[in-house]
Amino acid sequence: MNTHPNTHHPDTPEAVREAAAGAKAWRAAVHAQRTAEPDHSDFYAMTADVVDTLAAVANLAEVLAWQVAHYGDTRPVYDDTGEVDPRERLDAAAMDLHELAARLRSADRIANTFWSRIGHIGIDDDASVSTSSAGVSR
């Protein structure tokens, strides 16, 4: 099996290194946001990146689905259980990736809706908190 547990290893493919860097960056963003002062412009900016990321990961899932579906076409493969036809396992795995891509696109639509809504929010510096909350039921 060709695995690259250390993404800093020189033989690690670029795509694997970039995926690891992306995951690390999102974990850092979550950590930083936990202590950040909430700001609608940050919500908007970060959601733009979420939308972009979801679309990219959906596209990656589709690329991987095609590659997985055809993985056994040019190389001998086996299933380590010895009980499942490796082609069937690859086909099922490719279907999992298609499903993942579909769900990411659904999440992308939700993120886009939020992005649009939060883009209409602003802070009225001239109004006090009690005045700006008038008409809002609690």
N, C-alpha and C. Protein backbone atom coordinates (compact mmCIF):
# COMPACT_ATOMS: atom_id res chain seq x y z
N MET A 1 0.84 -1.17 0.00
CA MET A 1 0.00 0.00 0.00
C MET A 1 0.89 1.23 0.00
N ASN A 2 0.54 2.22 -0.80
CA ASN A 2 1.30 3.45 -0.91
C ASN A 2 0.63 4.53 -0.06
N THR A 3 1.09 4.70 1.16
CA THR A 3 0.51 5.72 2.03
C THR A 3 1.58 6.73 2.41
N HIS A 4 1.15 7.89 2.79
CA HIS A 4 2.07 8.97 3.14
C HIS A 4 1.62 9.59 4.46
N PRO A 5 1.90 8.91 5.59
CA PRO A 5 1.44 9.44 6.87
C PRO A 5 2.09 10.78 7.22
N ASN A 6 3.29 11.01 6.72
CA ASN A 6 3.99 12.26 6.98
C ASN A 6 3.86 13.12 5.73
N THR A 7 3.01 14.14 5.79
CA THR A 7 2.78 14.97 4.60
C THR A 7 3.97 15.86 4.27
N HIS A 8 4.99 15.86 5.11
CA HIS A 8 6.20 16.62 4.82
C HIS A 8 7.26 15.76 4.13
N HIS A 9 7.00 14.49 3.96
CA HIS A 9 7.92 13.59 3.29
C HIS A 9 8.04 14.01 1.83
N PRO A 10 9.24 14.02 1.27
CA PRO A 10 9.42 14.49 -0.12
C PRO A 10 8.66 13.66 -1.16
N ASP A 11 8.33 12.41 -0.85
CA ASP A 11 7.61 11.58 -1.82
C ASP A 11 6.09 11.75 -1.74
N THR A 12 5.62 12.54 -0.78
CA THR A 12 4.18 12.76 -0.65
C THR A 12 3.68 13.57 -1.85
N PRO A 13 2.67 13.06 -2.55
CA PRO A 13 2.14 13.79 -3.71
C PRO A 13 1.59 15.16 -3.32
N GLU A 14 1.68 16.09 -4.26
CA GLU A 14 1.23 17.46 -4.02
C GLU A 14 -0.23 17.50 -3.56
N ALA A 15 -1.11 16.73 -4.20
CA ALA A 15 -2.53 16.75 -3.84
C ALA A 15 -2.73 16.35 -2.38
N VAL A 16 -1.98 15.37 -1.91
CA VAL A 16 -2.10 14.92 -0.51
C VAL A 16 -1.60 16.02 0.42
N ARG A 17 -0.49 16.64 0.07
CA ARG A 17 0.05 17.74 0.89
C ARG A 17 -0.93 18.91 0.97
N GLU A 18 -1.52 19.27 -0.16
CA GLU A 18 -2.46 20.39 -0.20
C GLU A 18 -3.73 20.09 0.60
N ALA A 19 -4.23 18.86 0.50
CA ALA A 19 -5.42 18.48 1.27
C ALA A 19 -5.14 18.57 2.76
N ALA A 20 -3.98 18.10 3.18
CA ALA A 20 -3.61 18.17 4.60
C ALA A 20 -3.48 19.62 5.05
N ALA A 21 -2.90 20.46 4.21
CA ALA A 21 -2.74 21.88 4.55
C ALA A 21 -4.10 22.55 4.67
N GLY A 22 -5.02 22.21 3.78
CA GLY A 22 -6.37 22.78 3.84
C GLY A 22 -7.09 22.39 5.12
N ALA A 23 -7.02 21.12 5.48
CA ALA A 23 -7.67 20.66 6.71
C ALA A 23 -7.06 21.36 7.93
N LYS A 24 -5.73 21.49 7.93
CA LYS A 24 -5.05 22.16 9.04
C LYS A 24 -5.49 23.63 9.12
N ALA A 25 -5.61 24.28 7.98
CA ALA A 25 -6.02 25.68 7.97
C ALA A 25 -7.45 25.86 8.50
N TRP A 26 -8.35 24.94 8.14
CA TRP A 26 -9.72 25.05 8.65
C TRP A 26 -9.77 24.80 10.16
N ARG A 27 -8.97 23.87 10.65
CA ARG A 27 -8.92 23.65 12.11
C ARG A 27 -8.41 24.91 12.81
N ALA A 28 -7.42 25.56 12.23
CA ALA A 28 -6.88 26.80 12.81
C ALA A 28 -7.94 27.91 12.78
N ALA A 29 -8.72 27.98 11.70
CA ALA A 29 -9.78 28.99 11.61
C ALA A 29 -10.83 28.78 12.70
N VAL A 30 -11.21 27.54 12.93
CA VAL A 30 -12.18 27.23 13.99
C VAL A 30 -11.62 27.67 15.34
N HIS A 31 -10.38 27.32 15.59
CA HIS A 31 -9.74 27.69 16.86
C HIS A 31 -9.70 29.21 17.04
N ALA A 32 -9.32 29.93 16.00
CA ALA A 32 -9.23 31.39 16.07
C ALA A 32 -10.60 32.04 16.26
N GLN A 33 -11.61 31.50 15.60
CA GLN A 33 -12.94 32.10 15.68
C GLN A 33 -13.57 31.90 17.06
N ARG A 34 -13.20 30.84 17.76
CA ARG A 34 -13.75 30.61 19.10
C ARG A 34 -13.49 31.79 20.04
N THR A 35 -12.39 32.48 19.85
CA THR A 35 -12.04 33.59 20.75
C THR A 35 -12.19 34.95 20.07
N ALA A 36 -12.63 34.98 18.83
CA ALA A 36 -12.79 36.23 18.10
C ALA A 36 -14.06 36.96 18.53
N GLU A 37 -14.02 38.26 18.44
CA GLU A 37 -15.23 39.08 18.66
C GLU A 37 -16.13 38.86 17.44
N PRO A 38 -17.39 38.47 17.63
CA PRO A 38 -18.27 38.25 16.47
C PRO A 38 -18.42 39.52 15.64
N ASP A 39 -18.28 39.36 14.33
CA ASP A 39 -18.38 40.48 13.41
C ASP A 39 -19.00 39.97 12.12
N HIS A 40 -20.09 40.61 11.71
CA HIS A 40 -20.81 40.14 10.52
C HIS A 40 -19.93 40.14 9.28
N SER A 41 -18.99 41.07 9.18
CA SER A 41 -18.13 41.08 7.99
C SER A 41 -17.20 39.86 7.99
N ASP A 42 -16.81 39.40 9.17
CA ASP A 42 -16.03 38.15 9.25
C ASP A 42 -16.88 36.95 8.86
N PHE A 43 -18.15 36.95 9.34
CA PHE A 43 -19.05 35.85 8.97
C PHE A 43 -19.15 35.77 7.46
N TYR A 44 -19.33 36.93 6.83
CA TYR A 44 -19.47 37.01 5.38
C TYR A 44 -18.20 36.53 4.69
N ALA A 45 -17.06 37.02 5.13
CA ALA A 45 -15.79 36.66 4.50
C ALA A 45 -15.48 35.17 4.66
N MET A 46 -15.67 34.66 5.86
CA MET A 46 -15.38 33.24 6.08
C MET A 46 -16.35 32.35 5.34
N THR A 47 -17.60 32.77 5.25
CA THR A 47 -18.58 31.95 4.52
C THR A 47 -18.26 31.92 3.03
N ALA A 48 -17.71 33.00 2.50
CA ALA A 48 -17.27 32.98 1.10
C ALA A 48 -16.23 31.89 0.92
N ASP A 49 -15.34 31.76 1.89
CA ASP A 49 -14.31 30.71 1.81
C ASP A 49 -14.91 29.32 2.04
N VAL A 50 -15.93 29.23 2.88
CA VAL A 50 -16.62 27.94 3.08
C VAL A 50 -17.27 27.51 1.76
N VAL A 51 -17.95 28.44 1.10
CA VAL A 51 -18.60 28.14 -0.19
C VAL A 51 -17.55 27.65 -1.18
N ASP A 52 -16.44 28.37 -1.27
CA ASP A 52 -15.37 27.98 -2.19
C ASP A 52 -14.81 26.61 -1.83
N THR A 53 -14.62 26.37 -0.53
CA THR A 53 -14.06 25.09 -0.07
C THR A 53 -15.02 23.94 -0.35
N LEU A 54 -16.30 24.13 -0.06
CA LEU A 54 -17.28 23.06 -0.32
C LEU A 54 -17.31 22.71 -1.80
N ALA A 55 -17.28 23.72 -2.66
CA ALA A 55 -17.27 23.44 -4.10
C ALA A 55 -16.00 22.70 -4.51
N ALA A 56 -14.86 23.11 -3.96
CA ALA A 56 -13.60 22.43 -4.28
C ALA A 56 -13.59 20.99 -3.80
N VAL A 57 -14.09 20.75 -2.59
CA VAL A 57 -14.10 19.39 -2.06
C VAL A 57 -15.10 18.53 -2.83
N ALA A 58 -16.23 19.11 -3.24
CA ALA A 58 -17.19 18.36 -4.08
C ALA A 58 -16.53 17.97 -5.40
N ASN A 59 -15.80 18.90 -6.00
CA ASN A 59 -15.09 18.60 -7.24
C ASN A 59 -14.02 17.52 -7.03
N LEU A 60 -13.31 17.60 -5.91
CA LEU A 60 -12.32 16.58 -5.59
C LEU A 60 -12.98 15.22 -5.44
N ALA A 61 -14.13 15.18 -4.77
CA ALA A 61 -14.84 13.91 -4.60
C ALA A 61 -15.22 13.31 -5.95
N GLU A 62 -15.63 14.13 -6.90
CA GLU A 62 -15.98 13.63 -8.23
C GLU A 62 -14.75 13.11 -8.97
N VAL A 63 -13.64 13.83 -8.86
CA VAL A 63 -12.39 13.37 -9.49
C VAL A 63 -11.98 12.03 -8.89
N LEU A 64 -12.01 11.96 -7.56
CA LEU A 64 -11.65 10.70 -6.89
C LEU A 64 -12.61 9.57 -7.25
N ALA A 65 -13.90 9.89 -7.39
CA ALA A 65 -14.89 8.87 -7.75
C ALA A 65 -14.54 8.24 -9.09
N TRP A 66 -14.20 9.08 -10.06
CA TRP A 66 -13.83 8.55 -11.37
C TRP A 66 -12.55 7.71 -11.26
N GLN A 67 -11.56 8.22 -10.53
CA GLN A 67 -10.30 7.49 -10.39
C GLN A 67 -10.50 6.16 -9.67
N VAL A 68 -11.30 6.17 -8.62
CA VAL A 68 -11.56 4.93 -7.87
C VAL A 68 -12.30 3.92 -8.74
N ALA A 69 -13.30 4.39 -9.48
CA ALA A 69 -14.08 3.49 -10.34
C ALA A 69 -13.21 2.81 -11.39
N HIS A 70 -12.15 3.48 -11.81
CA HIS A 70 -11.28 2.92 -12.86
C HIS A 70 -9.93 2.43 -12.33
N TYR A 71 -9.80 2.39 -11.02
CA TYR A 71 -8.51 2.05 -10.42
C TYR A 71 -8.00 0.67 -10.83
N GLY A 72 -8.89 -0.28 -10.95
CA GLY A 72 -8.49 -1.63 -11.31
C GLY A 72 -8.35 -1.87 -12.80
N ASP A 73 -8.60 -0.86 -13.61
CA ASP A 73 -8.54 -1.02 -15.07
C ASP A 73 -7.12 -1.26 -15.57
N THR A 74 -6.15 -0.66 -14.92
CA THR A 74 -4.78 -0.71 -15.43
C THR A 74 -3.79 -1.36 -14.46
N ARG A 75 -4.30 -1.93 -13.38
CA ARG A 75 -3.41 -2.55 -12.39
C ARG A 75 -4.17 -3.70 -11.72
N PRO A 76 -3.45 -4.70 -11.31
CA PRO A 76 -4.11 -5.79 -10.57
C PRO A 76 -4.43 -5.31 -9.15
N VAL A 77 -5.64 -5.53 -8.72
CA VAL A 77 -6.05 -5.13 -7.37
C VAL A 77 -6.63 -6.34 -6.65
N TYR A 78 -6.63 -6.27 -5.33
CA TYR A 78 -7.25 -7.31 -4.52
C TYR A 78 -7.97 -6.67 -3.36
N ASP A 79 -8.85 -7.41 -2.75
CA ASP A 79 -9.55 -6.97 -1.54
C ASP A 79 -8.95 -7.75 -0.38
N ASP A 80 -8.53 -7.07 0.66
CA ASP A 80 -7.79 -7.74 1.73
C ASP A 80 -8.64 -8.70 2.57
N THR A 81 -9.97 -8.67 2.39
CA THR A 81 -10.80 -9.65 3.11
C THR A 81 -10.80 -10.99 2.38
N GLY A 82 -10.53 -10.98 1.08
CA GLY A 82 -10.59 -12.20 0.29
C GLY A 82 -12.01 -12.67 0.06
N GLU A 83 -12.98 -11.90 0.49
CA GLU A 83 -14.39 -12.30 0.38
C GLU A 83 -15.19 -11.42 -0.56
N VAL A 84 -14.63 -10.29 -0.95
CA VAL A 84 -15.35 -9.35 -1.80
C VAL A 84 -14.54 -9.13 -3.07
N ASP A 85 -15.24 -9.14 -4.19
CA ASP A 85 -14.60 -8.84 -5.46
C ASP A 85 -14.09 -7.41 -5.39
N PRO A 86 -12.79 -7.18 -5.66
CA PRO A 86 -12.26 -5.83 -5.55
C PRO A 86 -12.96 -4.83 -6.48
N ARG A 87 -13.42 -5.28 -7.63
CA ARG A 87 -14.16 -4.39 -8.54
C ARG A 87 -15.46 -3.91 -7.88
N GLU A 88 -16.15 -4.83 -7.19
CA GLU A 88 -17.37 -4.44 -6.49
C GLU A 88 -17.06 -3.44 -5.39
N ARG A 89 -15.98 -3.67 -4.67
CA ARG A 89 -15.59 -2.75 -3.59
C ARG A 89 -15.25 -1.38 -4.16
N LEU A 90 -14.52 -1.35 -5.27
CA LEU A 90 -14.18 -0.08 -5.91
C LEU A 90 -15.42 0.64 -6.43
N ASP A 91 -16.34 -0.11 -7.04
CA ASP A 91 -17.57 0.50 -7.54
C ASP A 91 -18.39 1.10 -6.39
N ALA A 92 -18.49 0.37 -5.28
CA ALA A 92 -19.23 0.87 -4.11
C ALA A 92 -18.54 2.12 -3.54
N ALA A 93 -17.21 2.09 -3.49
CA ALA A 93 -16.46 3.24 -2.97
C ALA A 93 -16.66 4.46 -3.88
N ALA A 94 -16.68 4.23 -5.19
CA ALA A 94 -16.92 5.34 -6.13
C ALA A 94 -18.31 5.92 -5.92
N MET A 95 -19.29 5.07 -5.67
CA MET A 95 -20.65 5.56 -5.40
C MET A 95 -20.67 6.37 -4.10
N ASP A 96 -19.91 5.96 -3.10
CA ASP A 96 -19.81 6.74 -1.86
C ASP A 96 -19.30 8.14 -2.16
N LEU A 97 -18.30 8.24 -3.02
CA LEU A 97 -17.74 9.54 -3.37
C LEU A 97 -18.72 10.39 -4.16
N HIS A 98 -19.51 9.78 -5.03
CA HIS A 98 -20.56 10.52 -5.74
C HIS A 98 -21.58 11.07 -4.74
N GLU A 99 -21.95 10.25 -3.77
CA GLU A 99 -22.89 10.69 -2.72
C GLU A 99 -22.28 11.83 -1.91
N LEU A 100 -21.03 11.71 -1.56
CA LEU A 100 -20.34 12.78 -0.83
C LEU A 100 -20.38 14.08 -1.63
N ALA A 101 -20.09 14.01 -2.91
CA ALA A 101 -20.11 15.20 -3.77
C ALA A 101 -21.51 15.82 -3.78
N ALA A 102 -22.54 14.99 -3.89
CA ALA A 102 -23.92 15.50 -3.90
C ALA A 102 -24.26 16.19 -2.59
N ARG A 103 -23.85 15.61 -1.48
CA ARG A 103 -24.15 16.22 -0.17
C ARG A 103 -23.35 17.50 0.04
N LEU A 104 -22.14 17.55 -0.46
CA LEU A 104 -21.35 18.78 -0.38
C LEU A 104 -22.00 19.88 -1.20
N ARG A 105 -22.55 19.54 -2.35
CA ARG A 105 -23.24 20.55 -3.16
C ARG A 105 -24.50 21.04 -2.46
N SER A 106 -25.16 20.16 -1.74
CA SER A 106 -26.32 20.57 -0.94
C SER A 106 -25.88 21.51 0.18
N ALA A 107 -24.80 21.17 0.85
CA ALA A 107 -24.25 22.04 1.90
C ALA A 107 -23.82 23.38 1.30
N ASP A 108 -23.28 23.35 0.10
CA ASP A 108 -22.86 24.57 -0.59
C ASP A 108 -24.06 25.49 -0.81
N ARG A 109 -25.20 24.93 -1.19
CA ARG A 109 -26.41 25.74 -1.38
C ARG A 109 -26.83 26.40 -0.07
N ILE A 110 -26.75 25.67 1.03
CA ILE A 110 -27.10 26.23 2.34
C ILE A 110 -26.12 27.34 2.71
N ALA A 111 -24.84 27.09 2.51
CA ALA A 111 -23.83 28.11 2.82
C ALA A 111 -24.04 29.36 1.96
N ASN A 112 -24.39 29.18 0.69
CA ASN A 112 -24.66 30.32 -0.18
C ASN A 112 -25.86 31.13 0.30
N THR A 113 -26.88 30.44 0.79
CA THR A 113 -28.06 31.12 1.32
C THR A 113 -27.68 31.94 2.54
N PHE A 114 -26.91 31.34 3.46
CA PHE A 114 -26.44 32.08 4.64
C PHE A 114 -25.59 33.28 4.21
N TRP A 115 -24.69 33.05 3.27
CA TRP A 115 -23.79 34.09 2.78
C TRP A 115 -24.59 35.29 2.26
N SER A 116 -25.65 34.99 1.52
CA SER A 116 -26.51 36.05 1.00
C SER A 116 -27.21 36.79 2.14
N ARG A 117 -27.73 36.05 3.11
CA ARG A 117 -28.45 36.68 4.22
C ARG A 117 -27.53 37.53 5.08
N ILE A 118 -26.37 37.00 5.42
CA ILE A 118 -25.47 37.74 6.32
C ILE A 118 -24.91 38.97 5.61
N GLY A 119 -24.88 38.93 4.28
CA GLY A 119 -24.41 40.08 3.52
C GLY A 119 -25.31 41.30 3.64
N HIS A 120 -26.54 41.11 4.11
CA HIS A 120 -27.48 42.23 4.29
C HIS A 120 -27.40 42.83 5.69
N ILE A 121 -26.57 42.28 6.55
CA ILE A 121 -26.48 42.75 7.94
C ILE A 121 -25.39 43.80 8.06
N GLY A 122 -25.68 44.80 8.85
CA GLY A 122 -24.71 45.83 9.14
C GLY A 122 -24.90 46.29 10.58
N ILE A 123 -24.02 47.13 11.05
CA ILE A 123 -24.11 47.68 12.39
C ILE A 123 -24.50 49.15 12.24
N ASP A 124 -25.54 49.55 12.94
CA ASP A 124 -25.97 50.94 12.94
C ASP A 124 -25.29 51.62 14.12
N ASP A 125 -24.18 52.28 13.85
CA ASP A 125 -23.39 52.91 14.90
C ASP A 125 -24.13 54.07 15.57
N ASP A 126 -25.14 54.63 14.89
CA ASP A 126 -25.87 55.77 15.44
C ASP A 126 -27.00 55.35 16.37
N ALA A 127 -27.39 54.09 16.32
CA ALA A 127 -28.50 53.63 17.14
C ALA A 127 -27.98 52.93 18.38
N SER A 128 -28.72 53.05 19.45
CA SER A 128 -28.35 52.33 20.67
C SER A 128 -28.86 50.91 20.59
N VAL A 129 -28.37 50.05 21.45
CA VAL A 129 -28.79 48.65 21.45
C VAL A 129 -30.28 48.53 21.65
N SER A 130 -30.85 49.33 22.56
CA SER A 130 -32.28 49.21 22.83
C SER A 130 -33.10 49.71 21.65
N THR A 131 -32.62 50.73 20.94
CA THR A 131 -33.35 51.24 19.78
C THR A 131 -33.25 50.26 18.62
N SER A 132 -32.05 49.70 18.40
CA SER A 132 -31.87 48.81 17.25
C SER A 132 -32.60 47.50 17.41
N SER A 133 -32.96 47.13 18.65
CA SER A 133 -33.68 45.87 18.84
C SER A 133 -35.19 46.08 18.85
N ALA A 134 -35.66 47.32 18.67
CA ALA A 134 -37.10 47.57 18.63
C ALA A 134 -37.72 46.80 17.47
N GLY A 135 -38.85 46.23 17.73
CA GLY A 135 -39.55 45.45 16.72
C GLY A 135 -39.09 44.02 16.65
N VAL A 136 -38.06 43.65 17.39
CA VAL A 136 -37.60 42.27 17.41
C VAL A 136 -38.23 41.59 18.61
N SER A 137 -39.00 40.56 18.39
CA SER A 137 -39.64 39.86 19.51
C SER A 137 -38.66 38.90 20.15
N ARG A 138 -38.79 38.74 21.43
CA ARG A 138 -37.89 37.85 22.16
C ARG A 138 -38.65 36.78 22.86
